[in-house]
PDB file of N, CA and C in Angstrom:
ATOM      1  N   MET A   1     -30.083 -16.342  30.205  1.00  0.00           N
ATOM      2  CA  MET A   1     -29.138 -17.024  31.062  1.00  0.00           C
ATOM      3  C   MET A   1     -28.713 -16.066  32.163  1.00  0.00           C
ATOM      4  N   ARG A   2     -28.988 -16.450  33.357  1.00  0.00           N
ATOM      5  CA  ARG A   2     -28.606 -15.622  34.496  1.00  0.00           C
ATOM      6  C   ARG A   2     -27.586 -16.370  35.319  1.00  0.00           C
ATOM      7  N   ILE A   3     -26.608 -15.644  35.751  1.00  0.00           N
ATOM      8  CA  ILE A   3     -25.567 -16.215  36.594  1.00  0.00           C
ATOM      9  C   ILE A   3     -25.922 -15.903  38.039  1.00  0.00           C
ATOM     10  N   VAL A   4     -25.752 -16.902  38.903  1.00  0.00           N
ATOM     11  CA  VAL A   4     -26.091 -16.732  40.307  1.00  0.00           C
ATOM     12  C   VAL A   4     -25.183 -15.662  40.901  1.00  0.00           C
ATOM     13  N   GLY A   5     -25.767 -14.752  41.638  1.00  0.00           N
ATOM     14  CA  GLY A   5     -25.004 -13.701  42.297  1.00  0.00           C
ATOM     15  C   GLY A   5     -24.893 -12.427  41.462  1.00  0.00           C
ATOM     16  N   MET A   6     -25.527 -12.400  40.297  1.00  0.00           N
ATOM     17  CA  MET A   6     -25.483 -11.200  39.459  1.00  0.00           C
ATOM     18  C   MET A   6     -26.712 -10.350  39.745  1.00  0.00           C
ATOM     19  N   ASP A   7     -26.500  -9.052  39.815  1.00  0.00           N
ATOM     20  CA  ASP A   7     -27.661  -8.188  39.952  1.00  0.00           C
ATOM     21  C   ASP A   7     -28.135  -7.787  38.553  1.00  0.00           C
ATOM     22  N   ASN A   8     -29.228  -7.039  38.479  1.00  0.00           N
ATOM     23  CA  ASN A   8     -29.864  -6.678  37.212  1.00  0.00           C
ATOM     24  C   ASN A   8     -28.938  -5.830  36.333  1.00  0.00           C
ATOM     25  N   LYS A   9     -28.149  -4.951  36.958  1.00  0.00           N
ATOM     26  CA  LYS A   9     -27.249  -4.076  36.189  1.00  0.00           C
ATOM     27  C   LYS A   9     -26.201  -4.909  35.463  1.00  0.00           C
ATOM     28  N   ASP A  10     -25.629  -5.896  36.148  1.00  0.00           N
ATOM     29  CA  ASP A  10     -24.639  -6.764  35.516  1.00  0.00           C
ATOM     30  C   ASP A  10     -25.256  -7.559  34.373  1.00  0.00           C
ATOM     31  N   HIS A  11     -26.485  -8.005  34.562  1.00  0.00           N
ATOM     32  CA  HIS A  11     -27.169  -8.772  33.523  1.00  0.00           C
ATOM     33  C   HIS A  11     -27.388  -7.904  32.281  1.00  0.00           C
ATOM     34  N   ILE A  12     -27.801  -6.670  32.472  1.00  0.00           N
ATOM     35  CA  ILE A  12     -28.007  -5.754  31.343  1.00  0.00           C
ATOM     36  C   ILE A  12     -26.685  -5.511  30.616  1.00  0.00           C
ATOM     37  N   THR A  13     -25.612  -5.356  31.351  1.00  0.00           N
ATOM     38  CA  THR A  13     -24.304  -5.132  30.737  1.00  0.00           C
ATOM     39  C   THR A  13     -23.903  -6.342  29.898  1.00  0.00           C
ATOM     40  N   LEU A  14     -24.114  -7.540  30.389  1.00  0.00           N
ATOM     41  CA  LEU A  14     -23.790  -8.735  29.618  1.00  0.00           C
ATOM     42  C   LEU A  14     -24.640  -8.842  28.362  1.00  0.00           C
ATOM     43  N   VAL A  15     -25.901  -8.465  28.462  1.00  0.00           N
ATOM     44  CA  VAL A  15     -26.789  -8.495  27.291  1.00  0.00           C
ATOM     45  C   VAL A  15     -26.288  -7.489  26.255  1.00  0.00           C
ATOM     46  N   GLU A  16     -25.904  -6.298  26.684  1.00  0.00           N
ATOM     47  CA  GLU A  16     -25.386  -5.290  25.759  1.00  0.00           C
ATOM     48  C   GLU A  16     -24.105  -5.764  25.095  1.00  0.00           C
ATOM     49  N   ILE A  17     -23.236  -6.382  25.866  1.00  0.00           N
ATOM     50  CA  ILE A  17     -21.980  -6.897  25.313  1.00  0.00           C
ATOM     51  C   ILE A  17     -22.264  -7.981  24.279  1.00  0.00           C
ATOM     52  N   ARG A  18     -23.187  -8.869  24.590  1.00  0.00           N
ATOM     53  CA  ARG A  18     -23.544  -9.936  23.657  1.00  0.00           C
ATOM     54  C   ARG A  18     -24.127  -9.354  22.374  1.00  0.00           C
ATOM     55  N   GLU A  19     -24.995  -8.344  22.481  1.00  0.00           N
ATOM     56  CA  GLU A  19     -25.583  -7.719  21.293  1.00  0.00           C
ATOM     57  C   GLU A  19     -24.512  -7.046  20.443  1.00  0.00           C
ATOM     58  N   ARG A  20     -23.586  -6.364  21.083  1.00  0.00           N
ATOM     59  CA  ARG A  20     -22.506  -5.721  20.331  1.00  0.00           C
ATOM     60  C   ARG A  20     -21.625  -6.761  19.643  1.00  0.00           C
ATOM     61  N   LEU A  21     -21.355  -7.848  20.323  1.00  0.00           N
ATOM     62  CA  LEU A  21     -20.554  -8.915  19.745  1.00  0.00           C
ATOM     63  C   LEU A  21     -21.243  -9.503  18.515  1.00  0.00           C
ATOM     64  N   VAL A  22     -22.534  -9.697  18.591  1.00  0.00           N
ATOM     65  CA  VAL A  22     -23.287 -10.219  17.444  1.00  0.00           C
ATOM     66  C   VAL A  22     -23.209  -9.239  16.278  1.00  0.00           C
ATOM     67  N   ARG A  23     -23.329  -7.939  16.557  1.00  0.00           N
ATOM     68  CA  ARG A  23     -23.231  -6.936  15.482  1.00  0.00           C
ATOM     69  C   ARG A  23     -21.845  -6.963  14.848  1.00  0.00           C
ATOM     70  N   ILE A  24     -20.804  -7.077  15.654  1.00  0.00           N
ATOM     71  CA  ILE A  24     -19.434  -7.134  15.131  1.00  0.00           C
ATOM     72  C   ILE A  24     -19.239  -8.379  14.275  1.00  0.00           C
ATOM     73  N   GLU A  25     -19.727  -9.508  14.746  1.00  0.00           N
ATOM     74  CA  GLU A  25     -19.616 -10.746  13.972  1.00  0.00           C
ATOM     75  C   GLU A  25     -20.339 -10.612  12.634  1.00  0.00           C
ATOM     76  N   THR A  26     -21.497  -9.988  12.640  1.00  0.00           N
ATOM     77  CA  THR A  26     -22.253  -9.792  11.402  1.00  0.00           C
ATOM     78  C   THR A  26     -21.476  -8.922  10.431  1.00  0.00           C
ATOM     79  N   ILE A  27     -20.901  -7.852  10.920  1.00  0.00           N
ATOM     80  CA  ILE A  27     -20.113  -6.960  10.064  1.00  0.00           C
ATOM     81  C   ILE A  27     -18.910  -7.703   9.489  1.00  0.00           C
ATOM     82  N   LEU A  28     -18.240  -8.484  10.321  1.00  0.00           N
ATOM     83  CA  LEU A  28     -17.074  -9.228   9.858  1.00  0.00           C
ATOM     84  C   LEU A  28     -17.448 -10.262   8.806  1.00  0.00           C
ATOM     85  N   GLU A  29     -18.585 -10.899   8.970  1.00  0.00           N
ATOM     86  CA  GLU A  29     -19.028 -11.884   7.986  1.00  0.00           C
ATOM     87  C   GLU A  29     -19.359 -11.221   6.659  1.00  0.00           C
ATOM     88  N   GLU A  30     -19.818  -9.975   6.682  1.00  0.00           N
ATOM     89  CA  GLU A  30     -20.184  -9.273   5.458  1.00  0.00           C
ATOM     90  C   GLU A  30     -18.964  -8.819   4.664  1.00  0.00           C
ATOM     91  N   GLN A  31     -17.836  -8.707   5.320  1.00  0.00           N
ATOM     92  CA  GLN A  31     -16.623  -8.262   4.641  1.00  0.00           C
ATOM     93  C   GLN A  31     -16.154  -9.339   3.670  1.00  0.00           C
ATOM     94  N   ASP A  32     -15.749  -8.887   2.498  1.00  0.00           N
ATOM     95  CA  ASP A  32     -15.255  -9.817   1.483  1.00  0.00           C
ATOM     96  C   ASP A  32     -13.730  -9.778   1.516  1.00  0.00           C
ATOM     97  N   TYR A  33     -13.161 -10.561   2.430  1.00  0.00           N
ATOM     98  CA  TYR A  33     -11.722 -10.519   2.647  1.00  0.00           C
ATOM     99  C   TYR A  33     -10.937 -11.074   1.463  1.00  0.00           C
ATOM    100  N   LYS A  34     -11.524 -11.991   0.719  1.00  0.00           N
ATOM    101  CA  LYS A  34     -10.813 -12.533  -0.439  1.00  0.00           C
ATOM    102  C   LYS A  34     -10.634 -11.452  -1.496  1.00  0.00           C
ATOM    103  N   ALA A  35     -11.640 -10.635  -1.712  1.00  0.00           N
ATOM    104  CA  ALA A  35     -11.535  -9.558  -2.691  1.00  0.00           C
ATOM    105  C   ALA A  35     -10.523  -8.516  -2.230  1.00  0.00           C
ATOM    106  N   VAL A  36     -10.530  -8.226  -0.946  1.00  0.00           N
ATOM    107  CA  VAL A  36      -9.574  -7.259  -0.405  1.00  0.00           C
ATOM    108  C   VAL A  36      -8.158  -7.807  -0.549  1.00  0.00           C
ATOM    109  N   SER A  37      -7.978  -9.081  -0.277  1.00  0.00           N
ATOM    110  CA  SER A  37      -6.668  -9.704  -0.405  1.00  0.00           C
ATOM    111  C   SER A  37      -6.202  -9.698  -1.855  1.00  0.00           C
ATOM    112  N   LYS A  38      -7.100  -9.976  -2.791  1.00  0.00           N
ATOM    113  CA  LYS A  38      -6.750  -9.970  -4.214  1.00  0.00           C
ATOM    114  C   LYS A  38      -6.359  -8.566  -4.647  1.00  0.00           C
ATOM    115  N   THR A  39      -7.091  -7.569  -4.201  1.00  0.00           N
ATOM    116  CA  THR A  39      -6.774  -6.189  -4.547  1.00  0.00           C
ATOM    117  C   THR A  39      -5.400  -5.804  -4.001  1.00  0.00           C
ATOM    118  N   ALA A  40      -5.116  -6.207  -2.786  1.00  0.00           N
ATOM    119  CA  ALA A  40      -3.817  -5.913  -2.187  1.00  0.00           C
ATOM    120  C   ALA A  40      -2.697  -6.615  -2.955  1.00  0.00           C
ATOM    121  N   ASP A  41      -2.916  -7.867  -3.345  1.00  0.00           N
ATOM    122  CA  ASP A  41      -1.906  -8.595  -4.118  1.00  0.00           C
ATOM    123  C   ASP A  41      -1.680  -7.942  -5.481  1.00  0.00           C
ATOM    124  N   ASP A  42      -2.771  -7.505  -6.125  1.00  0.00           N
ATOM    125  CA  ASP A  42      -2.652  -6.821  -7.416  1.00  0.00           C
ATOM    126  C   ASP A  42      -1.878  -5.511  -7.266  1.00  0.00           C
ATOM    127  N   ALA A  43      -2.162  -4.786  -6.198  1.00  0.00           N
ATOM    128  CA  ALA A  43      -1.469  -3.518  -5.955  1.00  0.00           C
ATOM    129  C   ALA A  43       0.017  -3.758  -5.703  1.00  0.00           C
ATOM    130  N   LEU A  44       0.353  -4.798  -4.964  1.00  0.00           N
ATOM    131  CA  LEU A  44       1.750  -5.128  -4.707  1.00  0.00           C
ATOM    132  C   LEU A  44       2.461  -5.496  -6.003  1.00  0.00           C
ATOM    133  N   SER A  45       1.819  -6.297  -6.827  1.00  0.00           N
ATOM    134  CA  SER A  45       2.405  -6.702  -8.101  1.00  0.00           C
ATOM    135  C   SER A  45       2.653  -5.489  -8.995  1.00  0.00           C
ATOM    136  N   LEU A  46       1.677  -4.599  -9.062  1.00  0.00           N
ATOM    137  CA  LEU A  46       1.822  -3.385  -9.866  1.00  0.00           C
ATOM    138  C   LEU A  46       2.935  -2.497  -9.325  1.00  0.00           C
ATOM    139  N   ALA A  47       3.033  -2.383  -8.022  1.00  0.00           N
ATOM    140  CA  ALA A  47       4.085  -1.570  -7.415  1.00  0.00           C
ATOM    141  C   ALA A  47       5.465  -2.143  -7.732  1.00  0.00           C
ATOM    142  N   GLN A  48       5.596  -3.463  -7.726  1.00  0.00           N
ATOM    143  CA  GLN A  48       6.877  -4.085  -8.048  1.00  0.00           C
ATOM    144  C   GLN A  48       7.248  -3.862  -9.512  1.00  0.00           C
ATOM    145  N   LYS A  49       6.256  -3.952 -10.409  1.00  0.00           N
ATOM    146  CA  LYS A  49       6.512  -3.673 -11.830  1.00  0.00           C
ATOM    147  C   LYS A  49       6.912  -2.218 -12.023  1.00  0.00           C
ATOM    148  N   ASN A  50       6.220  -1.326 -11.327  1.00  0.00           N
ATOM    149  CA  ASN A  50       6.538   0.098 -11.436  1.00  0.00           C
ATOM    150  C   ASN A  50       7.937   0.396 -10.910  1.00  0.00           C
ATOM    151  N   GLU A  51       8.348  -0.308  -9.871  1.00  0.00           N
ATOM    152  CA  GLU A  51       9.692  -0.111  -9.333  1.00  0.00           C
ATOM    153  C   GLU A  51      10.741  -0.467 -10.381  1.00  0.00           C
ATOM    154  N   LYS A  52      10.518  -1.580 -11.083  1.00  0.00           N
ATOM    155  CA  LYS A  52      11.454  -1.989 -12.133  1.00  0.00           C
ATOM    156  C   LYS A  52      11.478  -0.954 -13.257  1.00  0.00           C
ATOM    157  N   ALA A  53      10.306  -0.443 -13.633  1.00  0.00           N
ATOM    158  CA  ALA A  53      10.241   0.553 -14.702  1.00  0.00           C
ATOM    159  C   ALA A  53      10.954   1.844 -14.303  1.00  0.00           C
ATOM    160  N   VAL A  54      10.786   2.252 -13.070  1.00  0.00           N
ATOM    161  CA  VAL A  54      11.449   3.476 -12.591  1.00  0.00           C
ATOM    162  C   VAL A  54      12.959   3.296 -12.597  1.00  0.00           C
ATOM    163  N   LEU A  55      13.440   2.144 -12.159  1.00  0.00           N
ATOM    164  CA  LEU A  55      14.885   1.887 -12.175  1.00  0.00           C
ATOM    165  C   LEU A  55      15.429   1.916 -13.598  1.00  0.00           C
ATOM    166  N   GLU A  56      14.673   1.366 -14.534  1.00  0.00           N
ATOM    167  CA  GLU A  56      15.088   1.384 -15.935  1.00  0.00           C
ATOM    168  C   GLU A  56      15.139   2.817 -16.468  1.00  0.00           C
ATOM    169  N   LEU A  57      14.129   3.610 -16.140  1.00  0.00           N
ATOM    170  CA  LEU A  57      14.112   5.005 -16.578  1.00  0.00           C
ATOM    171  C   LEU A  57      15.260   5.805 -15.959  1.00  0.00           C
ATOM    172  N   GLN A  58      15.591   5.514 -14.724  1.00  0.00           N
ATOM    173  CA  GLN A  58      16.716   6.195 -14.086  1.00  0.00           C
ATOM    174  C   GLN A  58      18.014   5.892 -14.820  1.00  0.00           C
ATOM    175  N   GLY A  59      18.170   4.671 -15.282  1.00  0.00           N
ATOM    176  CA  GLY A  59      19.345   4.302 -16.058  1.00  0.00           C
ATOM    177  C   GLY A  59      19.400   5.075 -17.375  1.00  0.00           C
ATOM    178  N   TYR A  60      18.254   5.205 -18.048  1.00  0.00           N
ATOM    179  CA  TYR A  60      18.204   5.964 -19.299  1.00  0.00           C
ATOM    180  C   TYR A  60      18.554   7.431 -19.064  1.00  0.00           C
ATOM    181  N   VAL A  61      18.045   7.997 -17.993  1.00  0.00           N
ATOM    182  CA  VAL A  61      18.316   9.394 -17.680  1.00  0.00           C
ATOM    183  C   VAL A  61      19.806   9.598 -17.426  1.00  0.00           C
ATOM    184  N   LYS A  62      20.413   8.674 -16.716  1.00  0.00           N
ATOM    185  CA  LYS A  62      21.847   8.764 -16.424  1.00  0.00           C
ATOM    186  C   LYS A  62      22.648   8.801 -17.721  1.00  0.00           C
ATOM    187  N   TRP A  63      22.347   7.891 -18.649  1.00  0.00           N
ATOM    188  CA  TRP A  63      23.083   7.854 -19.912  1.00  0.00           C
ATOM    189  C   TRP A  63      22.799   9.097 -20.754  1.00  0.00           C
ATOM    190  N   PHE A  64      21.577   9.594 -20.729  1.00  0.00           N
ATOM    191  CA  PHE A  64      21.226  10.797 -21.474  1.00  0.00           C
ATOM    192  C   PHE A  64      22.013  11.998 -20.951  1.00  0.00           C
ATOM    193  N   VAL A  65      22.082  12.147 -19.641  1.00  0.00           N
ATOM    194  CA  VAL A  65      22.826  13.267 -19.039  1.00  0.00           C
ATOM    195  C   VAL A  65      24.306  13.149 -19.394  1.00  0.00           C
ATOM    196  N   MET A  66      24.845  11.943 -19.322  1.00  0.00           N
ATOM    197  CA  MET A  66      26.259  11.770 -19.682  1.00  0.00           C
ATOM    198  C   MET A  66      26.494  12.111 -21.147  1.00  0.00           C
ATOM    199  N   ALA A  67      25.572  11.745 -22.039  1.00  0.00           N
ATOM    200  CA  ALA A  67      25.718  12.053 -23.456  1.00  0.00           C
ATOM    201  C   ALA A  67      25.655  13.558 -23.698  1.00  0.00           C
ATOM    202  N   VAL A  68      24.721  14.248 -23.017  1.00  0.00           N
ATOM    203  CA  VAL A  68      24.601  15.699 -23.174  1.00  0.00           C
ATOM    204  C   VAL A  68      25.867  16.379 -22.658  1.00  0.00           C
ATOM    205  N   LEU A  69      26.361  15.962 -21.510  1.00  0.00           N
ATOM    206  CA  LEU A  69      27.597  16.543 -20.977  1.00  0.00           C
ATOM    207  C   LEU A  69      28.780  16.270 -21.907  1.00  0.00           C
ATOM    208  N   GLY A  70      28.849  15.070 -22.456  1.00  0.00           N
ATOM    209  CA  GLY A  70      29.914  14.734 -23.400  1.00  0.00           C
ATOM    210  C   GLY A  70      29.843  15.607 -24.646  1.00  0.00           C
ATOM    211  N   ALA A  71      28.626  15.831 -25.148  1.00  0.00           N
ATOM    212  CA  ALA A  71      28.466  16.698 -26.323  1.00  0.00           C
ATOM    213  C   ALA A  71      28.858  18.124 -25.991  1.00  0.00           C
ATOM    214  N   PHE A  72      28.499  18.588 -24.805  1.00  0.00           N
ATOM    215  CA  PHE A  72      28.861  19.948 -24.381  1.00  0.00           C
ATOM    216  C   PHE A  72      30.377  20.093 -24.275  1.00  0.00           C
ATOM    217  N   ILE A  73      31.019  19.124 -23.665  1.00  0.00           N
ATOM    218  CA  ILE A  73      32.484  19.163 -23.530  1.00  0.00           C
ATOM    219  C   ILE A  73      33.142  19.114 -24.901  1.00  0.00           C
ATOM    220  N   ALA A  74      32.618  18.264 -25.791  1.00  0.00           N
ATOM    221  CA  ALA A  74      33.179  18.195 -27.155  1.00  0.00           C
ATOM    222  C   ALA A  74      32.999  19.513 -27.888  1.00  0.00           C
ATOM    223  N   ALA A  75      31.869  20.177 -27.713  1.00  0.00           N
ATOM    224  CA  ALA A  75      31.630  21.463 -28.371  1.00  0.00           C
ATOM    225  C   ALA A  75      32.586  22.517 -27.826  1.00  0.00           C
ATOM    226  N   VAL A  76      32.795  22.534 -26.524  1.00  0.00           N
ATOM    227  CA  VAL A  76      33.716  23.512 -25.922  1.00  0.00           C
ATOM    228  C   VAL A  76      35.129  23.244 -26.427  1.00  0.00           C
ATOM    229  N   CYS A  77      35.535  21.978 -26.469  1.00  0.00           N
ATOM    230  CA  CYS A  77      36.875  21.640 -26.977  1.00  0.00           C
ATOM    231  C   CYS A  77      37.035  22.044 -28.442  1.00  0.00           C
ATOM    232  N   ALA A  78      35.990  21.841 -29.238  1.00  0.00           N
ATOM    233  CA  ALA A  78      36.048  22.214 -30.652  1.00  0.00           C
ATOM    234  C   ALA A  78      36.193  23.718 -30.801  1.00  0.00           C
ATOM    235  N   LEU A  79      35.498  24.500 -29.965  1.00  0.00           N
ATOM    236  CA  LEU A  79      35.593  25.957 -30.037  1.00  0.00           C
ATOM    237  C   LEU A  79      36.968  26.432 -29.570  1.00  0.00           C
ATOM    238  N   VAL A  80      37.506  25.803 -28.538  1.00  0.00           N
ATOM    239  CA  VAL A  80      38.810  26.213 -28.000  1.00  0.00           C
ATOM    240  C   VAL A  80      39.927  25.859 -28.984  1.00  0.00           C
ATOM    241  N   LEU A  81      39.859  24.702 -29.580  1.00  0.00           N
ATOM    242  CA  LEU A  81      40.927  24.238 -30.475  1.00  0.00           C
ATOM    243  C   LEU A  81      40.803  24.810 -31.885  1.00  0.00           C
ATOM    244  N   LYS A  82      39.774  25.506 -32.219  1.00  0.00           N
ATOM    245  CA  LYS A  82      39.542  26.053 -33.550  1.00  0.00           C
ATOM    246  C   LYS A  82      40.383  27.209 -33.850  1.00  0.00           C
TER     247      LYS A  82
END
């Protein structure tokens, strides 16, 4: 397909652009976007579960530290009052 008023250089450039476009389309068609989307959804779900687990562990750590400090204070009070 030649456009009126185009010289040979312009025609070659259009052919190169068309060939590159075909290669890009081929690459895009080969991509399995559904699998990539499923993997991303699985990763998001796992990250959300992990966030909940981390928050739960932080709560346990808080209570553990408070218990250790309480035991330390009780031991110091027992030694002082003895």
